[in-house]
Amino acid sequence: MKNKILVHIFGIVLVATVQIGMLPTWPSPVDTLNLMLCVATLVVIMHPAHIALLWALLGGILLDVYSALPFGTITISLFLAVMVT
């Protein structure tokens, strides 16, 4: 169980790093893609709900740290998207 959670945490950090560091430098249709939202929605479909909530919470906090929006905006939106899905 701990190994699976560590793999998911590594995946969250990887997706956040790609979204923060690489996506803004790509061409126009791709630079505005919310990769964390896409992956969190995919995790909802493929894994139990507690894993999807882990993705939404930790991924949102990581993206909120580097965002110009008020802190918690991305976390709340990811959390709501996971709950609705």
Protein backbone atom coordinates (compact mmCIF):
# COMPACT_ATOMS: atom_id res chain seq x y z
CA MET A 1 0.00 0.00 0.00
CA LYS A 2 2.78 2.44 0.87
CA ASN A 3 4.56 1.70 -2.41
CA LYS A 4 1.44 2.53 -4.39
CA ILE A 5 1.00 5.83 -2.57
CA LEU A 6 4.65 6.72 -3.14
CA VAL A 7 4.24 5.97 -6.85
CA HIS A 8 1.19 8.24 -6.96
CA ILE A 9 3.03 11.03 -5.12
CA PHE A 10 5.91 10.73 -7.61
CA GLY A 11 3.37 10.93 -10.45
CA ILE A 12 1.77 14.04 -8.93
CA VAL A 13 5.14 15.77 -8.68
CA LEU A 14 6.02 14.72 -12.25
CA VAL A 15 2.74 16.00 -13.72
CA ALA A 16 3.00 19.27 -11.77
CA THR A 17 6.58 19.76 -12.96
CA VAL A 18 5.60 19.17 -16.58
CA GLN A 19 2.65 21.55 -16.29
CA ILE A 20 4.66 24.30 -14.60
CA GLY A 21 7.95 23.96 -16.43
CA MET A 22 7.31 22.56 -19.88
CA LEU A 23 3.76 23.23 -21.07
CA PRO A 24 4.03 27.06 -21.17
CA THR A 25 6.86 26.78 -23.71
CA TRP A 26 4.91 24.64 -26.20
CA PRO A 27 2.82 26.00 -29.11
CA SER A 28 -0.50 27.76 -28.61
CA PRO A 29 -3.12 25.01 -28.25
CA VAL A 30 -1.01 23.00 -25.81
CA ASP A 31 0.32 25.79 -23.57
CA THR A 32 -3.08 26.35 -21.92
CA LEU A 33 -3.76 22.67 -21.22
CA ASN A 34 -4.55 21.86 -17.59
CA LEU A 35 -2.63 18.60 -17.42
CA MET A 36 -3.33 18.01 -13.73
CA LEU A 37 -7.08 18.22 -14.33
CA CYS A 38 -6.84 15.73 -17.20
CA VAL A 39 -4.77 13.28 -15.17
CA ALA A 40 -6.94 13.67 -12.05
CA THR A 41 -10.02 12.88 -14.13
CA LEU A 42 -8.28 9.81 -15.54
CA VAL A 43 -7.30 8.70 -12.03
CA VAL A 44 -10.96 8.97 -10.94
CA ILE A 45 -11.88 6.49 -13.65
CA MET A 46 -9.04 4.04 -13.05
CA HIS A 47 -8.46 4.08 -9.26
CA PRO A 48 -10.46 4.26 -5.99
CA ALA A 49 -11.84 7.58 -4.81
CA HIS A 50 -9.24 8.14 -2.07
CA ILE A 51 -6.41 7.99 -4.63
CA ALA A 52 -8.21 10.50 -6.86
CA LEU A 53 -8.68 12.83 -3.89
CA LEU A 54 -4.96 12.49 -3.14
CA TRP A 55 -4.20 13.60 -6.71
CA ALA A 56 -6.60 16.54 -6.44
CA LEU A 57 -5.32 17.70 -3.05
CA LEU A 58 -1.57 17.34 -3.51
CA GLY A 59 -1.62 18.32 -7.17
CA GLY A 60 -3.70 21.38 -6.41
CA ILE A 61 -1.41 22.47 -3.59
CA LEU A 62 1.68 22.07 -5.80
CA LEU A 63 0.09 24.11 -8.58
CA ASP A 64 -1.20 26.73 -6.13
CA VAL A 65 2.32 27.39 -4.87
CA TYR A 66 3.39 28.49 -8.37
CA SER A 67 0.14 30.19 -9.39
CA ALA A 68 -0.67 33.90 -9.36
CA LEU A 69 -4.24 33.12 -8.33
CA PRO A 70 -5.32 33.26 -4.67
CA PHE A 71 -4.01 30.27 -2.77
CA GLY A 72 -6.42 27.37 -2.79
CA THR A 73 -8.22 28.22 -6.02
CA ILE A 74 -6.71 25.40 -8.05
CA THR A 75 -7.00 22.94 -5.15
CA ILE A 76 -10.69 23.66 -4.73
CA SER A 77 -11.36 23.42 -8.46
CA LEU A 78 -9.53 20.09 -8.78
CA PHE A 79 -11.27 18.77 -5.66
CA LEU A 80 -14.69 19.76 -7.04
CA ALA A 81 -13.90 18.24 -10.44
CA VAL A 82 -12.91 14.94 -8.83
CA MET A 83 -16.01 14.94 -6.62
CA VAL A 84 -18.34 15.63 -9.58
CA THR A 85 -16.68 12.99 -11.74
